[in-house]
Amino acid sequence: HFITFERLVPMDSLPDIKKTTNHLEGRLASPEGNRRVN
């Protein structure tokens, strides 16, 4: 799925956003630690 947002953010904020999504992926992982979303 491609999801877009109306509010634009600076391109140089992408590394910080990626760190946030990595943490979210970890929180959504299975109890065994397997990733369920990317």
PDB file of all heavy atoms in Angstrom:
ATOM      1  N   HIS A   1       0.849  -1.185   0.000  1.00  0.00           N
ATOM      2  CA  HIS A   1       0.000   0.000   0.000  1.00  0.00           C
ATOM      3  C   HIS A   1       0.883   1.232   0.000  1.00  0.00           C
ATOM      4  O   HIS A   1       1.875   1.282   0.728  1.00  0.00           O
ATOM      5  CB  HIS A   1      -0.906   0.046   1.235  1.00  0.00           C
ATOM      6  CG  HIS A   1      -1.872  -1.077   1.310  1.00  0.00           C
ATOM      7  ND1 HIS A   1      -3.050  -1.097   0.616  1.00  0.00           N
ATOM      8  CD2 HIS A   1      -1.822  -2.248   1.987  1.00  0.00           C
ATOM      9  CE1 HIS A   1      -3.693  -2.212   0.875  1.00  0.00           C
ATOM     10  NE2 HIS A   1      -2.963  -2.940   1.705  1.00  0.00           N
ATOM     11  N   PHE A   2       0.517   2.198  -0.799  1.00  0.00           N
ATOM     12  CA  PHE A   2       1.169   3.497  -0.758  1.00  0.00           C
ATOM     13  C   PHE A   2       0.208   4.452  -0.078  1.00  0.00           C
ATOM     14  O   PHE A   2      -0.951   4.570  -0.471  1.00  0.00           O
ATOM     15  CB  PHE A   2       1.503   4.001  -2.170  1.00  0.00           C
ATOM     16  CG  PHE A   2       2.659   3.279  -2.794  1.00  0.00           C
ATOM     17  CD1 PHE A   2       2.453   2.133  -3.537  1.00  0.00           C
ATOM     18  CD2 PHE A   2       3.951   3.744  -2.626  1.00  0.00           C
ATOM     19  CE1 PHE A   2       3.512   1.458  -4.107  1.00  0.00           C
ATOM     20  CE2 PHE A   2       5.022   3.082  -3.182  1.00  0.00           C
ATOM     21  CZ  PHE A   2       4.806   1.935  -3.937  1.00  0.00           C
ATOM     22  N   ILE A   3       0.685   5.118   0.949  1.00  0.00           N
ATOM     23  CA  ILE A   3      -0.135   6.055   1.707  1.00  0.00           C
ATOM     24  C   ILE A   3       0.518   7.423   1.595  1.00  0.00           C
ATOM     25  O   ILE A   3       1.729   7.564   1.785  1.00  0.00           O
ATOM     26  CB  ILE A   3      -0.239   5.623   3.180  1.00  0.00           C
ATOM     27  CG1 ILE A   3      -0.878   4.232   3.270  1.00  0.00           C
ATOM     28  CG2 ILE A   3      -1.033   6.636   3.984  1.00  0.00           C
ATOM     29  CD1 ILE A   3      -0.821   3.620   4.643  1.00  0.00           C
ATOM     30  N   THR A   4      -0.277   8.421   1.289  1.00  0.00           N
ATOM     31  CA  THR A   4       0.237   9.781   1.202  1.00  0.00           C
ATOM     32  C   THR A   4      -0.451  10.655   2.241  1.00  0.00           C
ATOM     33  O   THR A   4      -1.524  10.314   2.737  1.00  0.00           O
ATOM     34  CB  THR A   4       0.008  10.381  -0.194  1.00  0.00           C
ATOM     35  OG1 THR A   4      -1.400  10.438  -0.450  1.00  0.00           O
ATOM     36  CG2 THR A   4       0.682   9.541  -1.266  1.00  0.00           C
ATOM     37  N   PHE A   5       0.194  11.756   2.541  1.00  0.00           N
ATOM     38  CA  PHE A   5      -0.326  12.684   3.534  1.00  0.00           C
ATOM     39  C   PHE A   5      -0.396  14.077   2.929  1.00  0.00           C
ATOM     40  O   PHE A   5       0.414  14.435   2.079  1.00  0.00           O
ATOM     41  CB  PHE A   5       0.553  12.684   4.784  1.00  0.00           C
ATOM     42  CG  PHE A   5       0.611  11.342   5.456  1.00  0.00           C
ATOM     43  CD1 PHE A   5       1.582  10.422   5.113  1.00  0.00           C
ATOM     44  CD2 PHE A   5      -0.336  10.998   6.407  1.00  0.00           C
ATOM     45  CE1 PHE A   5       1.622   9.169   5.719  1.00  0.00           C
ATOM     46  CE2 PHE A   5      -0.293   9.752   7.020  1.00  0.00           C
ATOM     47  CZ  PHE A   5       0.685   8.841   6.671  1.00  0.00           C
ATOM     48  N   GLU A   6      -1.330  14.858   3.388  1.00  0.00           N
ATOM     49  CA  GLU A   6      -1.505  16.203   2.855  1.00  0.00           C
ATOM     50  C   GLU A   6      -0.393  17.147   3.310  1.00  0.00           C
ATOM     51  O   GLU A   6       0.112  17.954   2.547  1.00  0.00           O
ATOM     52  CB  GLU A   6      -2.857  16.760   3.289  1.00  0.00           C
ATOM     53  CG  GLU A   6      -3.175  18.107   2.691  1.00  0.00           C
ATOM     54  CD  GLU A   6      -4.582  18.557   3.007  1.00  0.00           C
ATOM     55  OE1 GLU A   6      -5.437  17.721   3.336  1.00  0.00           O
ATOM     56  OE2 GLU A   6      -4.814  19.768   2.928  1.00  0.00           O
ATOM     57  N   ARG A   7       0.020  17.029   4.576  1.00  0.00           N
ATOM     58  CA  ARG A   7       1.035  17.926   5.116  1.00  0.00           C
ATOM     59  C   ARG A   7       2.426  17.504   4.631  1.00  0.00           C
ATOM     60  O   ARG A   7       2.819  16.351   4.765  1.00  0.00           O
ATOM     61  CB  ARG A   7       0.999  17.912   6.646  1.00  0.00           C
ATOM     62  CG  ARG A   7       1.956  18.891   7.290  1.00  0.00           C
ATOM     63  CD  ARG A   7       1.808  18.918   8.805  1.00  0.00           C
ATOM     64  NE  ARG A   7       2.130  17.659   9.444  1.00  0.00           N
ATOM     65  CZ  ARG A   7       3.356  17.321   9.861  1.00  0.00           C
ATOM     66  NH1 ARG A   7       4.356  18.144   9.696  1.00  0.00           N
ATOM     67  NH2 ARG A   7       3.562  16.169  10.452  1.00  0.00           N
ATOM     68  N   LEU A   8       3.160  18.434   4.067  1.00  0.00           N
ATOM     69  CA  LEU A   8       4.506  18.157   3.598  1.00  0.00           C
ATOM     70  C   LEU A   8       5.503  18.347   4.732  1.00  0.00           C
ATOM     71  O   LEU A   8       5.306  19.181   5.611  1.00  0.00           O
ATOM     72  CB  LEU A   8       4.857  19.090   2.435  1.00  0.00           C
ATOM     73  CG  LEU A   8       3.949  18.994   1.214  1.00  0.00           C
ATOM     74  CD1 LEU A   8       4.381  20.018   0.168  1.00  0.00           C
ATOM     75  CD2 LEU A   8       3.957  17.591   0.631  1.00  0.00           C
ATOM     76  N   VAL A   9       6.566  17.564   4.713  1.00  0.00           N
ATOM     77  CA  VAL A   9       7.628  17.681   5.706  1.00  0.00           C
ATOM     78  C   VAL A   9       8.954  17.850   4.965  1.00  0.00           C
ATOM     79  O   VAL A   9       9.088  17.435   3.811  1.00  0.00           O
ATOM     80  CB  VAL A   9       7.691  16.462   6.656  1.00  0.00           C
ATOM     81  CG1 VAL A   9       6.419  16.344   7.463  1.00  0.00           C
ATOM     82  CG2 VAL A   9       7.937  15.187   5.885  1.00  0.00           C
ATOM     83  N   PRO A  10       9.951  18.446   5.595  1.00  0.00           N
ATOM     84  CA  PRO A  10      11.251  18.628   4.934  1.00  0.00           C
ATOM     85  C   PRO A  10      11.893  17.283   4.587  1.00  0.00           C
ATOM     86  O   PRO A  10      11.809  16.322   5.355  1.00  0.00           O
ATOM     87  CB  PRO A  10      12.091  19.369   5.974  1.00  0.00           C
ATOM     88  CG  PRO A  10      11.115  19.939   6.942  1.00  0.00           C
ATOM     89  CD  PRO A  10       9.921  19.049   6.929  1.00  0.00           C
ATOM     90  N   MET A  11      12.549  17.221   3.436  1.00  0.00           N
ATOM     91  CA  MET A  11      13.199  15.979   3.003  1.00  0.00           C
ATOM     92  C   MET A  11      14.260  15.520   3.994  1.00  0.00           C
ATOM     93  O   MET A  11      14.459  14.324   4.179  1.00  0.00           O
ATOM     94  CB  MET A  11      13.832  16.160   1.624  1.00  0.00           C
ATOM     95  CG  MET A  11      12.825  16.280   0.510  1.00  0.00           C
ATOM     96  SD  MET A  11      13.582  16.334  -1.126  1.00  0.00           S
ATOM     97  CE  MET A  11      14.320  17.954  -1.122  1.00  0.00           C
ATOM     98  N   ASP A  12      14.936  16.478   4.660  1.00  0.00           N
ATOM     99  CA  ASP A  12      16.008  16.072   5.568  1.00  0.00           C
ATOM    100  C   ASP A  12      15.500  15.480   6.878  1.00  0.00           C
ATOM    101  O   ASP A  12      16.288  15.036   7.709  1.00  0.00           O
ATOM    102  CB  ASP A  12      16.974  17.224   5.838  1.00  0.00           C
ATOM    103  CG  ASP A  12      16.328  18.428   6.508  1.00  0.00           C
ATOM    104  OD1 ASP A  12      15.100  18.416   6.710  1.00  0.00           O
ATOM    105  OD2 ASP A  12      17.059  19.376   6.818  1.00  0.00           O
ATOM    106  N   SER A  13      14.184  15.416   7.061  1.00  0.00           N
ATOM    107  CA  SER A  13      13.625  14.761   8.248  1.00  0.00           C
ATOM    108  C   SER A  13      13.421  13.261   8.021  1.00  0.00           C
ATOM    109  O   SER A  13      13.055  12.539   8.953  1.00  0.00           O
ATOM    110  CB  SER A  13      12.302  15.419   8.659  1.00  0.00           C
ATOM    111  OG  SER A  13      11.324  15.236   7.662  1.00  0.00           O
ATOM    112  N   LEU A  14      13.692  12.780   6.806  1.00  0.00           N
ATOM    113  CA  LEU A  14      13.452  11.369   6.481  1.00  0.00           C
ATOM    114  C   LEU A  14      14.199  10.392   7.403  1.00  0.00           C
ATOM    115  O   LEU A  14      13.597   9.411   7.851  1.00  0.00           O
ATOM    116  CB  LEU A  14      13.786  11.100   5.017  1.00  0.00           C
ATOM    117  CG  LEU A  14      13.431   9.725   4.482  1.00  0.00           C
ATOM    118  CD1 LEU A  14      11.955   9.400   4.671  1.00  0.00           C
ATOM    119  CD2 LEU A  14      13.806   9.617   3.001  1.00  0.00           C
ATOM    120  N   PRO A  15      15.475  10.605   7.758  1.00  0.00           N
ATOM    121  CA  PRO A  15      16.130   9.658   8.667  1.00  0.00           C
ATOM    122  C   PRO A  15      15.432   9.550  10.031  1.00  0.00           C
ATOM    123  O   PRO A  15      15.292   8.449  10.569  1.00  0.00           O
ATOM    124  CB  PRO A  15      17.542  10.224   8.818  1.00  0.00           C
ATOM    125  CG  PRO A  15      17.769  10.993   7.562  1.00  0.00           C
ATOM    126  CD  PRO A  15      16.429  11.601   7.236  1.00  0.00           C
ATOM    127  N   ASP A  16      14.965  10.665  10.566  1.00  0.00           N
ATOM    128  CA  ASP A  16      14.261  10.621  11.855  1.00  0.00           C
ATOM    129  C   ASP A  16      12.922   9.907  11.730  1.00  0.00           C
ATOM    130  O   ASP A  16      12.523   9.151  12.626  1.00  0.00           O
ATOM    131  CB  ASP A  16      14.051  12.038  12.390  1.00  0.00           C
ATOM    132  CG  ASP A  16      15.362  12.728  12.707  1.00  0.00           C
ATOM    133  OD1 ASP A  16      16.284  12.039  13.198  1.00  0.00           O
ATOM    134  OD2 ASP A  16      15.462  13.927  12.452  1.00  0.00           O
ATOM    135  N   ILE A  17      12.242  10.121  10.615  1.00  0.00           N
ATOM    136  CA  ILE A  17      10.963   9.444  10.383  1.00  0.00           C
ATOM    137  C   ILE A  17      11.196   7.945  10.262  1.00  0.00           C
ATOM    138  O   ILE A  17      10.429   7.140  10.800  1.00  0.00           O
ATOM    139  CB  ILE A  17      10.268  10.018   9.139  1.00  0.00           C
ATOM    140  CG1 ILE A  17       9.857  11.476   9.387  1.00  0.00           C
ATOM    141  CG2 ILE A  17       9.062   9.176   8.750  1.00  0.00           C
ATOM    142  CD1 ILE A  17       9.401  12.209   8.144  1.00  0.00           C
ATOM    143  N   LYS A  18      12.275   7.536   9.580  1.00  0.00           N
ATOM    144  CA  LYS A  18      12.579   6.109   9.439  1.00  0.00           C
ATOM    145  C   LYS A  18      12.854   5.477  10.800  1.00  0.00           C
ATOM    146  O   LYS A  18      12.417   4.354  11.069  1.00  0.00           O
ATOM    147  CB  LYS A  18      13.781   5.899   8.501  1.00  0.00           C
ATOM    148  CG  LYS A  18      14.149   4.436   8.298  1.00  0.00           C
ATOM    149  CD  LYS A  18      13.002   3.623   7.705  1.00  0.00           C
ATOM    150  CE  LYS A  18      13.404   2.166   7.522  1.00  0.00           C
ATOM    151  NZ  LYS A  18      12.268   1.328   7.130  1.00  0.00           N
ATOM    152  N   LYS A  19      13.568   6.156  11.670  1.00  0.00           N
ATOM    153  CA  LYS A  19      13.804   5.617  13.015  1.00  0.00           C
ATOM    154  C   LYS A  19      12.478   5.418  13.748  1.00  0.00           C
ATOM    155  O   LYS A  19      12.280   4.411  14.432  1.00  0.00           O
ATOM    156  CB  LYS A  19      14.709   6.550  13.815  1.00  0.00           C
ATOM    157  CG  LYS A  19      16.142   6.499  13.364  1.00  0.00           C
ATOM    158  CD  LYS A  19      17.000   7.414  14.219  1.00  0.00           C
ATOM    159  CE  LYS A  19      18.441   7.393  13.765  1.00  0.00           C
ATOM    160  NZ  LYS A  19      19.281   8.266  14.580  1.00  0.00           N
ATOM    161  N   THR A  20      11.561   6.362  13.593  1.00  0.00           N
ATOM    162  CA  THR A  20      10.246   6.243  14.223  1.00  0.00           C
ATOM    163  C   THR A  20       9.482   5.048  13.667  1.00  0.00           C
ATOM    164  O   THR A  20       8.882   4.279  14.420  1.00  0.00           O
ATOM    165  CB  THR A  20       9.434   7.535  14.020  1.00  0.00           C
ATOM    166  OG1 THR A  20      10.149   8.623  14.613  1.00  0.00           O
ATOM    167  CG2 THR A  20       8.057   7.432  14.638  1.00  0.00           C
ATOM    168  N   THR A  21       9.511   4.857  12.347  1.00  0.00           N
ATOM    169  CA  THR A  21       8.785   3.713  11.762  1.00  0.00           C
ATOM    170  C   THR A  21       9.436   2.391  12.161  1.00  0.00           C
ATOM    171  O   THR A  21       8.743   1.391  12.327  1.00  0.00           O
ATOM    172  CB  THR A  21       8.681   3.826  10.234  1.00  0.00           C
ATOM    173  OG1 THR A  21       9.980   3.858   9.648  1.00  0.00           O
ATOM    174  CG2 THR A  21       7.890   5.057   9.828  1.00  0.00           C
ATOM    175  N   ASN A  22      10.769   2.373  12.337  1.00  0.00           N
ATOM    176  CA  ASN A  22      11.423   1.144  12.811  1.00  0.00           C
ATOM    177  C   ASN A  22      10.921   0.765  14.206  1.00  0.00           C
ATOM    178  O   ASN A  22      10.672  -0.409  14.484  1.00  0.00           O
ATOM    179  CB  ASN A  22      12.943   1.319  12.844  1.00  0.00           C
ATOM    180  CG  ASN A  22      13.565   1.199  11.474  1.00  0.00           C
ATOM    181  OD1 ASN A  22      12.904   0.887  10.500  1.00  0.00           O
ATOM    182  ND2 ASN A  22      14.850   1.481  11.405  1.00  0.00           N
ATOM    183  N   HIS A  23      10.780   1.761  15.073  1.00  0.00           N
ATOM    184  CA  HIS A  23      10.241   1.489  16.414  1.00  0.00           C
ATOM    185  C   HIS A  23       8.798   0.989  16.330  1.00  0.00           C
ATOM    186  O   HIS A  23       8.411   0.057  17.051  1.00  0.00           O
ATOM    187  CB  HIS A  23      10.316   2.739  17.291  1.00  0.00           C
ATOM    188  CG  HIS A  23      11.703   3.066  17.746  1.00  0.00           C
ATOM    189  ND1 HIS A  23      12.405   2.291  18.633  1.00  0.00           N
ATOM    190  CD2 HIS A  23      12.523   4.086  17.423  1.00  0.00           C
ATOM    191  CE1 HIS A  23      13.597   2.811  18.842  1.00  0.00           C
ATOM    192  NE2 HIS A  23      13.702   3.902  18.103  1.00  0.00           N
ATOM    193  N   LEU A  24       8.011   1.583  15.448  1.00  0.00           N
ATOM    194  CA  LEU A  24       6.627   1.146  15.274  1.00  0.00           C
ATOM    195  C   LEU A  24       6.562  -0.285  14.761  1.00  0.00           C
ATOM    196  O   LEU A  24       5.761  -1.091  15.240  1.00  0.00           O
ATOM    197  CB  LEU A  24       5.902   2.094  14.318  1.00  0.00           C
ATOM    198  CG  LEU A  24       4.429   1.795  14.044  1.00  0.00           C
ATOM    199  CD1 LEU A  24       3.614   1.803  15.333  1.00  0.00           C
ATOM    200  CD2 LEU A  24       3.871   2.816  13.056  1.00  0.00           C
ATOM    201  N   GLU A  25       7.420  -0.643  13.816  1.00  0.00           N
ATOM    202  CA  GLU A  25       7.476  -2.019  13.325  1.00  0.00           C
ATOM    203  C   GLU A  25       7.778  -2.984  14.467  1.00  0.00           C
ATOM    204  O   GLU A  25       7.203  -4.071  14.543  1.00  0.00           O
ATOM    205  CB  GLU A  25       8.541  -2.168  12.235  1.00  0.00           C
ATOM    206  CG  GLU A  25       8.181  -1.528  10.928  1.00  0.00           C
ATOM    207  CD  GLU A  25       9.314  -1.612   9.917  1.00  0.00           C
ATOM    208  OE1 GLU A  25      10.378  -2.209  10.229  1.00  0.00           O
ATOM    209  OE2 GLU A  25       9.141  -1.078   8.810  1.00  0.00           O
ATOM    210  N   GLY A  26       8.682  -2.590  15.351  1.00  0.00           N
ATOM    211  CA  GLY A  26       9.015  -3.433  16.501  1.00  0.00           C
ATOM    212  C   GLY A  26       7.847  -3.611  17.452  1.00  0.00           C
ATOM    213  O   GLY A  26       7.614  -4.697  17.967  1.00  0.00           O
ATOM    214  N   ARG A  27       7.108  -2.536  17.684  1.00  0.00           N
ATOM    215  CA  ARG A  27       5.938  -2.612  18.572  1.00  0.00           C
ATOM    216  C   ARG A  27       4.836  -3.486  17.986  1.00  0.00           C
ATOM    217  O   ARG A  27       4.076  -4.109  18.730  1.00  0.00           O
ATOM    218  CB  ARG A  27       5.406  -1.214  18.842  1.00  0.00           C
ATOM    219  CG  ARG A  27       6.313  -0.392  19.733  1.00  0.00           C
ATOM    220  CD  ARG A  27       5.790   0.991  20.019  1.00  0.00           C
ATOM    221  NE  ARG A  27       4.417   0.959  20.464  1.00  0.00           N
ATOM    222  CZ  ARG A  27       3.526   1.923  20.225  1.00  0.00           C
ATOM    223  NH1 ARG A  27       3.871   2.988  19.548  1.00  0.00           N
ATOM    224  NH2 ARG A  27       2.297   1.822  20.664  1.00  0.00           N
ATOM    225  N   LEU A  28       4.754  -3.543  16.655  1.00  0.00           N
ATOM    226  CA  LEU A  28       3.713  -4.327  15.990  1.00  0.00           C
ATOM    227  C   LEU A  28       4.156  -5.753  15.675  1.00  0.00           C
ATOM    228  O   LEU A  28       3.391  -6.527  15.114  1.00  0.00           O
ATOM    229  CB  LEU A  28       3.271  -3.632  14.694  1.00  0.00           C
ATOM    230  CG  LEU A  28       2.617  -2.262  14.868  1.00  0.00           C
ATOM    231  CD1 LEU A  28       2.386  -1.608  13.513  1.00  0.00           C
ATOM    232  CD2 LEU A  28       1.316  -2.384  15.637  1.00  0.00           C
ATOM    233  N   ALA A  29       5.368  -6.110  16.050  1.00  0.00           N
ATOM    234  CA  ALA A  29       5.882  -7.456  15.772  1.00  0.00           C
ATOM    235  C   ALA A  29       5.114  -8.502  16.570  1.00  0.00           C
ATOM    236  O   ALA A  29       4.471  -8.202  17.579  1.00  0.00           O
ATOM    237  CB  ALA A  29       7.373  -7.523  16.110  1.00  0.00           C
ATOM    238  N   SER A  30       5.204  -9.733  16.108  1.00  0.00           N
ATOM    239  CA  SER A  30       4.556 -10.837  16.810  1.00  0.00           C
ATOM    240  C   SER A  30       5.238 -11.049  18.154  1.00  0.00           C
ATOM    241  O   SER A  30       6.357 -10.569  18.376  1.00  0.00           O
ATOM    242  CB  SER A  30       4.645 -12.112  15.965  1.00  0.00           C
ATOM    243  OG  SER A  30       5.983 -12.573  15.932  1.00  0.00           O
ATOM    244  N   PRO A  31       4.604 -11.795  19.056  1.00  0.00           N
ATOM    245  CA  PRO A  31       5.243 -12.079  20.351  1.00  0.00           C
ATOM    246  C   PRO A  31       6.612 -12.756  20.207  1.00  0.00           C
ATOM    247  O   PRO A  31       7.474 -12.599  21.059  1.00  0.00           O
ATOM    248  CB  PRO A  31       4.239 -12.999  21.043  1.00  0.00           C
ATOM    249  CG  PRO A  31       2.923 -12.646  20.441  1.00  0.00           C
ATOM    250  CD  PRO A  31       3.240 -12.304  18.997  1.00  0.00           C
ATOM    251  N   GLU A  32       6.819 -13.477  19.106  1.00  0.00           N
ATOM    252  CA  GLU A  32       8.106 -14.129  18.860  1.00  0.00           C
ATOM    253  C   GLU A  32       9.138 -13.159  18.292  1.00  0.00           C
ATOM    254  O   GLU A  32      10.293 -13.525  18.086  1.00  0.00           O
ATOM    255  CB  GLU A  32       7.935 -15.303  17.883  1.00  0.00           C
ATOM    256  CG  GLU A  32       7.058 -16.422  18.395  1.00  0.00           C
ATOM    257  CD  GLU A  32       5.569 -16.115  18.245  1.00  0.00           C
ATOM    258  OE1 GLU A  32       5.194 -15.332  17.350  1.00  0.00           O
ATOM    259  OE2 GLU A  32       4.777 -16.652  19.032  1.00  0.00           O
ATOM    260  N   GLY A  33       8.721 -11.931  17.991  1.00  0.00           N
ATOM    261  CA  GLY A  33       9.640 -10.937  17.452  1.00  0.00           C
ATOM    262  C   GLY A  33       9.644 -10.830  15.945  1.00  0.00           C
ATOM    263  O   GLY A  33      10.419 -10.067  15.376  1.00  0.00           O
ATOM    264  N   ASN A  34       8.791 -11.617  15.273  1.00  0.00           N
ATOM    265  CA  ASN A  34       8.732 -11.560  13.814  1.00  0.00           C
ATOM    266  C   ASN A  34       7.992 -10.314  13.367  1.00  0.00           C
ATOM    267  O   ASN A  34       6.927  -9.979  13.892  1.00  0.00           O
ATOM    268  CB  ASN A  34       8.031 -12.794  13.249  1.00  0.00           C
ATOM    269  CG  ASN A  34       8.784 -14.057  13.556  1.00  0.00           C
ATOM    270  OD1 ASN A  34      10.008 -14.079  13.521  1.00  0.00           O
ATOM    271  ND2 ASN A  34       8.057 -15.113  13.871  1.00  0.00           N
ATOM    272  N   ARG A  35       8.540  -9.643  12.373  1.00  0.00           N
ATOM    273  CA  ARG A  35       7.937  -8.422  11.870  1.00  0.00           C
ATOM    274  C   ARG A  35       6.669  -8.741  11.078  1.00  0.00           C
ATOM    275  O   ARG A  35       6.668  -9.635  10.229  1.00  0.00           O
ATOM    276  CB  ARG A  35       8.952  -7.707  10.985  1.00  0.00           C
ATOM    277  CG  ARG A  35       8.552  -6.327  10.615  1.00  0.00           C
ATOM    278  CD  ARG A  35       9.675  -5.595   9.965  1.00  0.00           C
ATOM    279  NE  ARG A  35      10.190  -6.315   8.802  1.00  0.00           N
ATOM    280  CZ  ARG A  35      10.940  -5.767   7.866  1.00  0.00           C
ATOM    281  NH1 ARG A  35      11.288  -4.511   7.960  1.00  0.00           N
ATOM    282  NH2 ARG A  35      11.368  -6.473   6.857  1.00  0.00           N
ATOM    283  N   ARG A  36       5.598  -8.030  11.365  1.00  0.00           N
ATOM    284  CA  ARG A  36       4.335  -8.218  10.652  1.00  0.00           C
ATOM    285  C   ARG A  36       4.049  -7.099   9.662  1.00  0.00           C
ATOM    286  O   ARG A  36       3.214  -7.270   8.781  1.00  0.00           O
ATOM    287  CB  ARG A  36       3.185  -8.321  11.642  1.00  0.00           C
ATOM    288  CG  ARG A  36       3.262  -9.563  12.504  1.00  0.00           C
ATOM    289  CD  ARG A  36       1.986  -9.776  13.245  1.00  0.00           C
ATOM    290  NE  ARG A  36       2.104  -9.243  14.593  1.00  0.00           N
ATOM    291  CZ  ARG A  36       1.246  -9.494  15.563  1.00  0.00           C
ATOM    292  NH1 ARG A  36       0.198 -10.240  15.336  1.00  0.00           N
ATOM    293  NH2 ARG A  36       1.431  -8.985  16.749  1.00  0.00           N
ATOM    294  N   VAL A  37       4.704  -5.972   9.827  1.00  0.00           N
ATOM    295  CA  VAL A  37       4.568  -4.852   8.894  1.00  0.00           C
ATOM    296  C   VAL A  37       5.951  -4.334   8.535  1.00  0.00           C
ATOM    297  O   VAL A  37       6.900  -4.484   9.293  1.00  0.00           O
ATOM    298  CB  VAL A  37       3.714  -3.694   9.469  1.00  0.00           C
ATOM    299  CG1 VAL A  37       2.299  -4.136   9.737  1.00  0.00           C
ATOM    300  CG2 VAL A  37       4.343  -3.110  10.715  1.00  0.00           C
ATOM    301  N   ASN A  38       6.052  -3.768   7.350  1.00  0.00           N
ATOM    302  CA  ASN A  38       7.281  -3.143   6.883  1.00  0.00           C
ATOM    303  C   ASN A  38       6.901  -1.751   6.409  1.00  0.00           C
ATOM    304  O   ASN A  38       6.168  -1.605   5.438  1.00  0.00           O
ATOM    305  CB  ASN A  38       7.893  -3.958   5.744  1.00  0.00           C
ATOM    306  CG  ASN A  38       9.145  -3.321   5.208  1.00  0.00           C
ATOM    307  OD1 ASN A  38       9.832  -2.590   5.901  1.00  0.00           O
ATOM    308  ND2 ASN A  38       9.440  -3.595   3.950  1.00  0.00           N
TER     309      ASN A  38
END
